[in-house]
Amino acid sequence: PQAFHIGDLADLHRRALEAGITNSVASC
């Protein structure tokens, strides 16, 4: 597993979408 606080990870995914990053191979 790879563990995160839910709020931090949700924000990370929102920022990634804004940056156009859509196919990273893992959360890390």
mmCIF file of all heavy atoms, coordinates in Angstrom:
data_MODEL
# 
_entry.id   MODEL 
# 
loop_
_atom_site.group_PDB 
_atom_site.id 
_atom_site.type_symbol 
_atom_site.label_atom_id 
_atom_site.label_alt_id 
_atom_site.label_comp_id 
_atom_site.label_asym_id 
_atom_site.label_entity_id 
_atom_site.label_seq_id 
_atom_site.pdbx_PDB_ins_code 
_atom_site.Cartn_x 
_atom_site.Cartn_y 
_atom_site.Cartn_z 
_atom_site.occupancy 
_atom_site.B_iso_or_equiv 
_atom_site.pdbx_formal_charge 
_atom_site.auth_seq_id 
_atom_site.auth_comp_id 
_atom_site.auth_asym_id 
_atom_site.auth_atom_id 
_atom_site.pdbx_PDB_model_num 
ATOM 1   N N   . PRO A 1 1  ? 0.796   -1.223 0.000   1.00 0.00 ? 1  PRO A N   1 
ATOM 2   C CA  . PRO A 1 1  ? 0.000   0.000  0.000   1.00 0.00 ? 1  PRO A CA  1 
ATOM 3   C C   . PRO A 1 1  ? 0.834   1.281  0.000   1.00 0.00 ? 1  PRO A C   1 
ATOM 4   O O   . PRO A 1 1  ? 2.009   1.282  0.355   1.00 0.00 ? 1  PRO A O   1 
ATOM 5   C CB  . PRO A 1 1  ? -0.802  -0.120 1.301   1.00 0.00 ? 1  PRO A CB  1 
ATOM 6   C CG  . PRO A 1 1  ? 0.009   -1.021 2.183   1.00 0.00 ? 1  PRO A CG  1 
ATOM 7   C CD  . PRO A 1 1  ? 0.693   -1.977 1.276   1.00 0.00 ? 1  PRO A CD  1 
ATOM 8   N N   . GLN A 1 2  ? 0.141   2.347  -0.424  1.00 0.00 ? 2  GLN A N   1 
ATOM 9   C CA  . GLN A 1 2  ? 0.664   3.701  -0.375  1.00 0.00 ? 2  GLN A CA  1 
ATOM 10  C C   . GLN A 1 2  ? -0.387  4.549  0.333   1.00 0.00 ? 2  GLN A C   1 
ATOM 11  O O   . GLN A 1 2  ? -1.539  4.595  -0.092  1.00 0.00 ? 2  GLN A O   1 
ATOM 12  C CB  . GLN A 1 2  ? 0.962   4.216  -1.790  1.00 0.00 ? 2  GLN A CB  1 
ATOM 13  C CG  . GLN A 1 2  ? 2.013   3.358  -2.493  1.00 0.00 ? 2  GLN A CG  1 
ATOM 14  C CD  . GLN A 1 2  ? 2.310   3.753  -3.922  1.00 0.00 ? 2  GLN A CD  1 
ATOM 15  O OE1 . GLN A 1 2  ? 1.920   4.812  -4.393  1.00 0.00 ? 2  GLN A OE1 1 
ATOM 16  N NE2 . GLN A 1 2  ? 3.019   2.875  -4.637  1.00 0.00 ? 2  GLN A NE2 1 
ATOM 17  N N   . ALA A 1 3  ? -0.001  5.165  1.443   1.00 0.00 ? 3  ALA A N   1 
ATOM 18  C CA  . ALA A 1 3  ? -0.964  5.812  2.342   1.00 0.00 ? 3  ALA A CA  1 
ATOM 19  C C   . ALA A 1 3  ? -0.832  7.327  2.327   1.00 0.00 ? 3  ALA A C   1 
ATOM 20  O O   . ALA A 1 3  ? 0.278   7.869  2.266   1.00 0.00 ? 3  ALA A O   1 
ATOM 21  C CB  . ALA A 1 3  ? -0.776  5.290  3.764   1.00 0.00 ? 3  ALA A CB  1 
ATOM 22  N N   . PHE A 1 4  ? -1.993  7.988  2.412   1.00 0.00 ? 4  PHE A N   1 
ATOM 23  C CA  . PHE A 1 4  ? -2.079  9.452  2.395   1.00 0.00 ? 4  PHE A CA  1 
ATOM 24  C C   . PHE A 1 4  ? -3.281  9.883  3.224   1.00 0.00 ? 4  PHE A C   1 
ATOM 25  O O   . PHE A 1 4  ? -4.232  9.111  3.398   1.00 0.00 ? 4  PHE A O   1 
ATOM 26  C CB  . PHE A 1 4  ? -2.269  9.978  0.966   1.00 0.00 ? 4  PHE A CB  1 
ATOM 27  C CG  . PHE A 1 4  ? -1.284  9.445  -0.036  1.00 0.00 ? 4  PHE A CG  1 
ATOM 28  C CD1 . PHE A 1 4  ? -1.513  8.229  -0.675  1.00 0.00 ? 4  PHE A CD1 1 
ATOM 29  C CD2 . PHE A 1 4  ? -0.131  10.139 -0.331  1.00 0.00 ? 4  PHE A CD2 1 
ATOM 30  C CE1 . PHE A 1 4  ? -0.610  7.715  -1.592  1.00 0.00 ? 4  PHE A CE1 1 
ATOM 31  C CE2 . PHE A 1 4  ? 0.789   9.640  -1.254  1.00 0.00 ? 4  PHE A CE2 1 
ATOM 32  C CZ  . PHE A 1 4  ? 0.549   8.422  -1.879  1.00 0.00 ? 4  PHE A CZ  1 
ATOM 33  N N   . HIS A 1 5  ? -3.258  11.118 3.695   1.00 0.00 ? 5  HIS A N   1 
ATOM 34  C CA  . HIS A 1 5  ? -4.479  11.706 4.235   1.00 0.00 ? 5  HIS A CA  1 
ATOM 35  C C   . HIS A 1 5  ? -5.418  11.973 3.049   1.00 0.00 ? 5  HIS A C   1 
ATOM 36  O O   . HIS A 1 5  ? -4.982  12.463 2.004   1.00 0.00 ? 5  HIS A O   1 
ATOM 37  C CB  . HIS A 1 5  ? -4.178  12.998 4.985   1.00 0.00 ? 5  HIS A CB  1 
ATOM 38  C CG  . HIS A 1 5  ? -3.353  12.790 6.220   1.00 0.00 ? 5  HIS A CG  1 
ATOM 39  N ND1 . HIS A 1 5  ? -3.850  12.169 7.345   1.00 0.00 ? 5  HIS A ND1 1 
ATOM 40  C CD2 . HIS A 1 5  ? -2.066  13.103 6.490   1.00 0.00 ? 5  HIS A CD2 1 
ATOM 41  C CE1 . HIS A 1 5  ? -2.902  12.108 8.269   1.00 0.00 ? 5  HIS A CE1 1 
ATOM 42  N NE2 . HIS A 1 5  ? -1.802  12.659 7.778   1.00 0.00 ? 5  HIS A NE2 1 
ATOM 43  N N   . ILE A 1 6  ? -6.693  11.645 3.224   1.00 0.00 ? 6  ILE A N   1 
ATOM 44  C CA  . ILE A 1 6  ? -7.639  11.739 2.109   1.00 0.00 ? 6  ILE A CA  1 
ATOM 45  C C   . ILE A 1 6  ? -7.671  13.141 1.515   1.00 0.00 ? 6  ILE A C   1 
ATOM 46  O O   . ILE A 1 6  ? -7.645  13.310 0.289   1.00 0.00 ? 6  ILE A O   1 
ATOM 47  C CB  . ILE A 1 6  ? -9.055  11.322 2.563   1.00 0.00 ? 6  ILE A CB  1 
ATOM 48  C CG1 . ILE A 1 6  ? -9.097  9.822  2.870   1.00 0.00 ? 6  ILE A CG1 1 
ATOM 49  C CG2 . ILE A 1 6  ? -10.098 11.660 1.492   1.00 0.00 ? 6  ILE A CG2 1 
ATOM 50  C CD1 . ILE A 1 6  ? -10.426 9.346  3.418   1.00 0.00 ? 6  ILE A CD1 1 
ATOM 51  N N   . GLY A 1 7  ? -7.712  14.157 2.370   1.00 0.00 ? 7  GLY A N   1 
ATOM 52  C CA  . GLY A 1 7  ? -7.773  15.526 1.873   1.00 0.00 ? 7  GLY A CA  1 
ATOM 53  C C   . GLY A 1 7  ? -6.571  15.896 1.027   1.00 0.00 ? 7  GLY A C   1 
ATOM 54  O O   . GLY A 1 7  ? -6.697  16.518 -0.038  1.00 0.00 ? 7  GLY A O   1 
ATOM 55  N N   . ASP A 1 8  ? -5.377  15.468 1.486   1.00 0.00 ? 8  ASP A N   1 
ATOM 56  C CA  . ASP A 1 8  ? -4.145  15.758 0.741   1.00 0.00 ? 8  ASP A CA  1 
ATOM 57  C C   . ASP A 1 8  ? -4.166  15.080 -0.630  1.00 0.00 ? 8  ASP A C   1 
ATOM 58  O O   . ASP A 1 8  ? -3.775  15.685 -1.638  1.00 0.00 ? 8  ASP A O   1 
ATOM 59  C CB  . ASP A 1 8  ? -2.924  15.263 1.524   1.00 0.00 ? 8  ASP A CB  1 
ATOM 60  C CG  . ASP A 1 8  ? -2.694  16.043 2.806   1.00 0.00 ? 8  ASP A CG  1 
ATOM 61  O OD1 . ASP A 1 8  ? -3.275  17.137 2.956   1.00 0.00 ? 8  ASP A OD1 1 
ATOM 62  O OD2 . ASP A 1 8  ? -1.935  15.541 3.667   1.00 0.00 ? 8  ASP A OD2 1 
ATOM 63  N N   . LEU A 1 9  ? -4.605  13.823 -0.667  1.00 0.00 ? 9  LEU A N   1 
ATOM 64  C CA  . LEU A 1 9  ? -4.584  13.073 -1.923  1.00 0.00 ? 9  LEU A CA  1 
ATOM 65  C C   . LEU A 1 9  ? -5.636  13.596 -2.904  1.00 0.00 ? 9  LEU A C   1 
ATOM 66  O O   . LEU A 1 9  ? -5.386  13.672 -4.106  1.00 0.00 ? 9  LEU A O   1 
ATOM 67  C CB  . LEU A 1 9  ? -4.793  11.585 -1.654  1.00 0.00 ? 9  LEU A CB  1 
ATOM 68  C CG  . LEU A 1 9  ? -4.508  10.651 -2.832  1.00 0.00 ? 9  LEU A CG  1 
ATOM 69  C CD1 . LEU A 1 9  ? -3.093  10.835 -3.360  1.00 0.00 ? 9  LEU A CD1 1 
ATOM 70  C CD2 . LEU A 1 9  ? -4.739  9.195  -2.445  1.00 0.00 ? 9  LEU A CD2 1 
ATOM 71  N N   . ALA A 1 10 ? -6.805  13.971 -2.389  1.00 0.00 ? 10 ALA A N   1 
ATOM 72  C CA  . ALA A 1 10 ? -7.833  14.545 -3.258  1.00 0.00 ? 10 ALA A CA  1 
ATOM 73  C C   . ALA A 1 10 ? -7.336  15.855 -3.876  1.00 0.00 ? 10 ALA A C   1 
ATOM 74  O O   . ALA A 1 10 ? -7.515  16.090 -5.084  1.00 0.00 ? 10 ALA A O   1 
ATOM 75  C CB  . ALA A 1 10 ? -9.118  14.772 -2.468  1.00 0.00 ? 10 ALA A CB  1 
ATOM 76  N N   . ASP A 1 11 ? -6.686  16.684 -3.066  1.00 0.00 ? 11 ASP A N   1 
ATOM 77  C CA  . ASP A 1 11 ? -6.134  17.946 -3.582  1.00 0.00 ? 11 ASP A CA  1 
ATOM 78  C C   . ASP A 1 11 ? -5.044  17.684 -4.614  1.00 0.00 ? 11 ASP A C   1 
ATOM 79  O O   . ASP A 1 11 ? -4.957  18.386 -5.631  1.00 0.00 ? 11 ASP A O   1 
ATOM 80  C CB  . ASP A 1 11 ? -5.570  18.786 -2.427  1.00 0.00 ? 11 ASP A CB  1 
ATOM 81  C CG  . ASP A 1 11 ? -6.667  19.375 -1.550  1.00 0.00 ? 11 ASP A CG  1 
ATOM 82  O OD1 . ASP A 1 11 ? -7.837  19.406 -2.004  1.00 0.00 ? 11 ASP A OD1 1 
ATOM 83  O OD2 . ASP A 1 11 ? -6.359  19.792 -0.417  1.00 0.00 ? 11 ASP A OD2 1 
ATOM 84  N N   . LEU A 1 12 ? -4.208  16.662 -4.368  1.00 0.00 ? 12 LEU A N   1 
ATOM 85  C CA  . LEU A 1 12 ? -3.153  16.300 -5.311  1.00 0.00 ? 12 LEU A CA  1 
ATOM 86  C C   . LEU A 1 12 ? -3.752  15.931 -6.670  1.00 0.00 ? 12 LEU A C   1 
ATOM 87  O O   . LEU A 1 12 ? -3.260  16.381 -7.713  1.00 0.00 ? 12 LEU A O   1 
ATOM 88  C CB  . LEU A 1 12 ? -2.337  15.127 -4.764  1.00 0.00 ? 12 LEU A CB  1 
ATOM 89  C CG  . LEU A 1 12 ? -1.187  14.656 -5.655  1.00 0.00 ? 12 LEU A CG  1 
ATOM 90  C CD1 . LEU A 1 12 ? 0.025   15.562 -5.484  1.00 0.00 ? 12 LEU A CD1 1 
ATOM 91  C CD2 . LEU A 1 12 ? -0.791  13.210 -5.315  1.00 0.00 ? 12 LEU A CD2 1 
ATOM 92  N N   . HIS A 1 13 ? -4.814  15.134 -6.656  1.00 0.00 ? 13 HIS A N   1 
ATOM 93  C CA  . HIS A 1 13 ? -5.440  14.719 -7.915  1.00 0.00 ? 13 HIS A CA  1 
ATOM 94  C C   . HIS A 1 13 ? -6.094  15.903 -8.628  1.00 0.00 ? 13 HIS A C   1 
ATOM 95  O O   . HIS A 1 13 ? -6.065  15.971 -9.866  1.00 0.00 ? 13 HIS A O   1 
ATOM 96  C CB  . HIS A 1 13 ? -6.453  13.603 -7.654  1.00 0.00 ? 13 HIS A CB  1 
ATOM 97  C CG  . HIS A 1 13 ? -5.829  12.244 -7.592  1.00 0.00 ? 13 HIS A CG  1 
ATOM 98  N ND1 . HIS A 1 13 ? -5.497  11.529 -8.719  1.00 0.00 ? 13 HIS A ND1 1 
ATOM 99  C CD2 . HIS A 1 13 ? -5.439  11.478 -6.541  1.00 0.00 ? 13 HIS A CD2 1 
ATOM 100 C CE1 . HIS A 1 13 ? -4.946  10.372 -8.369  1.00 0.00 ? 13 HIS A CE1 1 
ATOM 101 N NE2 . HIS A 1 13 ? -4.900  10.318 -7.060  1.00 0.00 ? 13 HIS A NE2 1 
ATOM 102 N N   . ARG A 1 14 ? -6.661  16.827 -7.883  1.00 0.00 ? 14 ARG A N   1 
ATOM 103 C CA  . ARG A 1 14 ? -7.240  18.019 -8.526  1.00 0.00 ? 14 ARG A CA  1 
ATOM 104 C C   . ARG A 1 14 ? -6.149  18.863 -9.181  1.00 0.00 ? 14 ARG A C   1 
ATOM 105 O O   . ARG A 1 14 ? -6.305  19.327 -10.314 1.00 0.00 ? 14 ARG A O   1 
ATOM 106 C CB  . ARG A 1 14 ? -8.025  18.836 -7.496  1.00 0.00 ? 14 ARG A CB  1 
ATOM 107 C CG  . ARG A 1 14 ? -9.428  18.288 -7.230  1.00 0.00 ? 14 ARG A CG  1 
ATOM 108 C CD  . ARG A 1 14 ? -10.261 19.220 -6.374  1.00 0.00 ? 14 ARG A CD  1 
ATOM 109 N NE  . ARG A 1 14 ? -9.975  19.041 -4.961  1.00 0.00 ? 14 ARG A NE  1 
ATOM 110 C CZ  . ARG A 1 14 ? -10.614 18.181 -4.174  1.00 0.00 ? 14 ARG A CZ  1 
ATOM 111 N NH1 . ARG A 1 14 ? -11.573 17.407 -4.654  1.00 0.00 ? 14 ARG A NH1 1 
ATOM 112 N NH2 . ARG A 1 14 ? -10.308 18.087 -2.887  1.00 0.00 ? 14 ARG A NH2 1 
ATOM 113 N N   . ARG A 1 15 ? -5.034  19.025 -8.482  1.00 0.00 ? 15 ARG A N   1 
ATOM 114 C CA  . ARG A 1 15 ? -3.918  19.801 -9.048  1.00 0.00 ? 15 ARG A CA  1 
ATOM 115 C C   . ARG A 1 15 ? -3.316  19.103 -10.258 1.00 0.00 ? 15 ARG A C   1 
ATOM 116 O O   . ARG A 1 15 ? -2.919  19.749 -11.230 1.00 0.00 ? 15 ARG A O   1 
ATOM 117 C CB  . ARG A 1 15 ? -2.846  20.033 -7.978  1.00 0.00 ? 15 ARG A CB  1 
ATOM 118 C CG  . ARG A 1 15 ? -3.268  21.030 -6.905  1.00 0.00 ? 15 ARG A CG  1 
ATOM 119 C CD  . ARG A 1 15 ? -2.098  21.473 -6.038  1.00 0.00 ? 15 ARG A CD  1 
ATOM 120 N NE  . ARG A 1 15 ? -1.649  20.443 -5.121  1.00 0.00 ? 15 ARG A NE  1 
ATOM 121 C CZ  . ARG A 1 15 ? -0.424  19.934 -5.084  1.00 0.00 ? 15 ARG A CZ  1 
ATOM 122 N NH1 . ARG A 1 15 ? 0.500   20.342 -5.953  1.00 0.00 ? 15 ARG A NH1 1 
ATOM 123 N NH2 . ARG A 1 15 ? -0.099  19.016 -4.188  1.00 0.00 ? 15 ARG A NH2 1 
ATOM 124 N N   . ALA A 1 16 ? -3.254  17.761 -10.210 1.00 0.00 ? 16 ALA A N   1 
ATOM 125 C CA  . ALA A 1 16 ? -2.722  17.005 -11.340 1.00 0.00 ? 16 ALA A CA  1 
ATOM 126 C C   . ALA A 1 16 ? -3.603  17.181 -12.579 1.00 0.00 ? 16 ALA A C   1 
ATOM 127 O O   . ALA A 1 16 ? -3.089  17.334 -13.701 1.00 0.00 ? 16 ALA A O   1 
ATOM 128 C CB  . ALA A 1 16 ? -2.602  15.533 -10.977 1.00 0.00 ? 16 ALA A CB  1 
ATOM 129 N N   . LEU A 1 17 ? -4.922  17.157 -12.393 1.00 0.00 ? 17 LEU A N   1 
ATOM 130 C CA  . LEU A 1 17 ? -5.837  17.369 -13.520 1.00 0.00 ? 17 LEU A CA  1 
ATOM 131 C C   . LEU A 1 17 ? -5.626  18.749 -14.132 1.00 0.00 ? 17 LEU A C   1 
ATOM 132 O O   . LEU A 1 17 ? -5.588  18.893 -15.358 1.00 0.00 ? 17 LEU A O   1 
ATOM 133 C CB  . LEU A 1 17 ? -7.287  17.213 -13.060 1.00 0.00 ? 17 LEU A CB  1 
ATOM 134 C CG  . LEU A 1 17 ? -7.799  15.785 -12.863 1.00 0.00 ? 17 LEU A CG  1 
ATOM 135 C CD1 . LEU A 1 17 ? -9.206  15.809 -12.267 1.00 0.00 ? 17 LEU A CD1 1 
ATOM 136 C CD2 . LEU A 1 17 ? -7.800  15.009 -14.182 1.00 0.00 ? 17 LEU A CD2 1 
ATOM 137 N N   . GLU A 1 18 ? -5.462  19.750 -13.269 1.00 0.00 ? 18 GLU A N   1 
ATOM 138 C CA  . GLU A 1 18 ? -5.216  21.119 -13.760 1.00 0.00 ? 18 GLU A CA  1 
ATOM 139 C C   . GLU A 1 18 ? -3.905  21.203 -14.528 1.00 0.00 ? 18 GLU A C   1 
ATOM 140 O O   . GLU A 1 18 ? -3.788  21.970 -15.488 1.00 0.00 ? 18 GLU A O   1 
ATOM 141 C CB  . GLU A 1 18 ? -5.203  22.100 -12.586 1.00 0.00 ? 18 GLU A CB  1 
ATOM 142 C CG  . GLU A 1 18 ? -6.572  22.316 -11.947 1.00 0.00 ? 18 GLU A CG  1 
ATOM 143 C CD  . GLU A 1 18 ? -6.485  23.136 -10.664 1.00 0.00 ? 18 GLU A CD  1 
ATOM 144 O OE1 . GLU A 1 18 ? -5.386  23.667 -10.377 1.00 0.00 ? 18 GLU A OE1 1 
ATOM 145 O OE2 . GLU A 1 18 ? -7.514  23.239 -9.965  1.00 0.00 ? 18 GLU A OE2 1 
ATOM 146 N N   . ALA A 1 19 ? -2.918  20.398 -14.106 1.00 0.00 ? 19 ALA A N   1 
ATOM 147 C CA  . ALA A 1 19 ? -1.598  20.409 -14.752 1.00 0.00 ? 19 ALA A CA  1 
ATOM 148 C C   . ALA A 1 19 ? -1.552  19.504 -15.983 1.00 0.00 ? 19 ALA A C   1 
ATOM 149 O O   . ALA A 1 19 ? -0.524  19.449 -16.672 1.00 0.00 ? 19 ALA A O   1 
ATOM 150 C CB  . ALA A 1 19 ? -0.528  19.985 -13.749 1.00 0.00 ? 19 ALA A CB  1 
ATOM 151 N N   . GLY A 1 20 ? -2.647  18.784 -16.258 1.00 0.00 ? 20 GLY A N   1 
ATOM 152 C CA  . GLY A 1 20 ? -2.674  17.904 -17.427 1.00 0.00 ? 20 GLY A CA  1 
ATOM 153 C C   . GLY A 1 20 ? -1.973  16.584 -17.221 1.00 0.00 ? 20 GLY A C   1 
ATOM 154 O O   . GLY A 1 20 ? -1.670  15.880 -18.196 1.00 0.00 ? 20 GLY A O   1 
ATOM 155 N N   . ILE A 1 21 ? -1.713  16.195 -15.964 1.00 0.00 ? 21 ILE A N   1 
ATOM 156 C CA  . ILE A 1 21 ? -1.081  14.904 -15.668 1.00 0.00 ? 21 ILE A CA  1 
ATOM 157 C C   . ILE A 1 21 ? -2.190  13.893 -15.421 1.00 0.00 ? 21 ILE A C   1 
ATOM 158 O O   . ILE A 1 21 ? -2.892  13.969 -14.412 1.00 0.00 ? 21 ILE A O   1 
ATOM 159 C CB  . ILE A 1 21 ? -0.149  15.005 -14.450 1.00 0.00 ? 21 ILE A CB  1 
ATOM 160 C CG1 . ILE A 1 21 ? 0.988   15.991 -14.722 1.00 0.00 ? 21 ILE A CG1 1 
ATOM 161 C CG2 . ILE A 1 21 ? 0.422   13.626 -14.093 1.00 0.00 ? 21 ILE A CG2 1 
ATOM 162 C CD1 . ILE A 1 21 ? 1.856   16.296 -13.520 1.00 0.00 ? 21 ILE A CD1 1 
ATOM 163 N N   . THR A 1 22 ? -2.363  12.940 -16.346 1.00 0.00 ? 22 THR A N   1 
ATOM 164 C CA  . THR A 1 22 ? -3.509  12.031 -16.272 1.00 0.00 ? 22 THR A CA  1 
ATOM 165 C C   . THR A 1 22 ? -3.126  10.551 -16.337 1.00 0.00 ? 22 THR A C   1 
ATOM 166 O O   . THR A 1 22 ? -4.011  9.690  -16.260 1.00 0.00 ? 22 THR A O   1 
ATOM 167 C CB  . THR A 1 22 ? -4.502  12.318 -17.418 1.00 0.00 ? 22 THR A CB  1 
ATOM 168 O OG1 . THR A 1 22 ? -3.815  12.165 -18.669 1.00 0.00 ? 22 THR A OG1 1 
ATOM 169 C CG2 . THR A 1 22 ? -5.076  13.724 -17.314 1.00 0.00 ? 22 THR A CG2 1 
ATOM 170 N N   . ASN A 1 23 ? -1.834  10.242 -16.485 1.00 0.00 ? 23 ASN A N   1 
ATOM 171 C CA  . ASN A 1 23 ? -1.469  8.830  -16.644 1.00 0.00 ? 23 ASN A CA  1 
ATOM 172 C C   . ASN A 1 23 ? -0.190  8.486  -15.881 1.00 0.00 ? 23 ASN A C   1 
ATOM 173 O O   . ASN A 1 23 ? 0.663   7.765  -16.366 1.00 0.00 ? 23 ASN A O   1 
ATOM 174 C CB  . ASN A 1 23 ? -1.304  8.484  -18.130 1.00 0.00 ? 23 ASN A CB  1 
ATOM 175 C CG  . ASN A 1 23 ? -1.334  6.977  -18.373 1.00 0.00 ? 23 ASN A CG  1 
ATOM 176 O OD1 . ASN A 1 23 ? -1.819  6.209  -17.543 1.00 0.00 ? 23 ASN A OD1 1 
ATOM 177 N ND2 . ASN A 1 23 ? -0.787  6.544  -19.496 1.00 0.00 ? 23 ASN A ND2 1 
ATOM 178 N N   . SER A 1 24 ? -0.088  8.993  -14.636 1.00 0.00 ? 24 SER A N   1 
ATOM 179 C CA  . SER A 1 24 ? 1.034   8.617  -13.782 1.00 0.00 ? 24 SER A CA  1 
ATOM 180 C C   . SER A 1 24 ? 0.833   7.170  -13.343 1.00 0.00 ? 24 SER A C   1 
ATOM 181 O O   . SER A 1 24 ? -0.295  6.735  -13.098 1.00 0.00 ? 24 SER A O   1 
ATOM 182 C CB  . SER A 1 24 ? 1.116   9.545  -12.571 1.00 0.00 ? 24 SER A CB  1 
ATOM 183 O OG  . SER A 1 24 ? 2.357   9.422  -11.921 1.00 0.00 ? 24 SER A OG  1 
ATOM 184 N N   . VAL A 1 25 ? 1.911   6.414  -13.220 1.00 0.00 ? 25 VAL A N   1 
ATOM 185 C CA  . VAL A 1 25 ? 1.776   4.966  -13.016 1.00 0.00 ? 25 VAL A CA  1 
ATOM 186 C C   . VAL A 1 25 ? 1.391   4.589  -11.589 1.00 0.00 ? 25 VAL A C   1 
ATOM 187 O O   . VAL A 1 25 ? 0.913   3.486  -11.348 1.00 0.00 ? 25 VAL A O   1 
ATOM 188 C CB  . VAL A 1 25 ? 3.072   4.217  -13.410 1.00 0.00 ? 25 VAL A CB  1 
ATOM 189 C CG1 . VAL A 1 25 ? 3.338   4.361  -14.894 1.00 0.00 ? 25 VAL A CG1 1 
ATOM 190 C CG2 . VAL A 1 25 ? 4.258   4.696  -12.590 1.00 0.00 ? 25 VAL A CG2 1 
ATOM 191 N N   . ALA A 1 26 ? 1.571   5.492  -10.625 1.00 0.00 ? 26 ALA A N   1 
ATOM 192 C CA  . ALA A 1 26 ? 1.253   5.175  -9.230  1.00 0.00 ? 26 ALA A CA  1 
ATOM 193 C C   . ALA A 1 26 ? 1.064   6.465  -8.447  1.00 0.00 ? 26 ALA A C   1 
ATOM 194 O O   . ALA A 1 26 ? 1.450   7.544  -8.909  1.00 0.00 ? 26 ALA A O   1 
ATOM 195 C CB  . ALA A 1 26 ? 2.366   4.339  -8.595  1.00 0.00 ? 26 ALA A CB  1 
ATOM 196 N N   . SER A 1 27 ? 0.494   6.348  -7.265  1.00 0.00 ? 27 SER A N   1 
ATOM 197 C CA  . SER A 1 27 ? 0.302   7.531  -6.422  1.00 0.00 ? 27 SER A CA  1 
ATOM 198 C C   . SER A 1 27 ? 1.641   8.143  -6.024  1.00 0.00 ? 27 SER A C   1 
ATOM 199 O O   . SER A 1 27 ? 1.783   9.367  -5.970  1.00 0.00 ? 27 SER A O   1 
ATOM 200 C CB  . SER A 1 27 ? -0.504  7.162  -5.173  1.00 0.00 ? 27 SER A CB  1 
ATOM 201 O OG  . SER A 1 27 ? -1.784  6.690  -5.521  1.00 0.00 ? 27 SER A OG  1 
ATOM 202 N N   . CYS A 1 28 ? 2.645   7.287  -5.750  1.00 0.00 ? 28 CYS A N   1 
ATOM 203 C CA  . CYS A 1 28 ? 3.953   7.814  -5.365  1.00 0.00 ? 28 CYS A CA  1 
ATOM 204 C C   . CYS A 1 28 ? 4.602   8.590  -6.501  1.00 0.00 ? 28 CYS A C   1 
ATOM 205 O O   . CYS A 1 28 ? 5.214   9.644  -6.281  1.00 0.00 ? 28 CYS A O   1 
ATOM 206 C CB  . CYS A 1 28 ? 4.861   6.690  -4.869  1.00 0.00 ? 28 CYS A CB  1 
ATOM 207 S SG  . CYS A 1 28 ? 5.175   5.377  -6.074  1.00 0.00 ? 28 CYS A SG  1 
# 
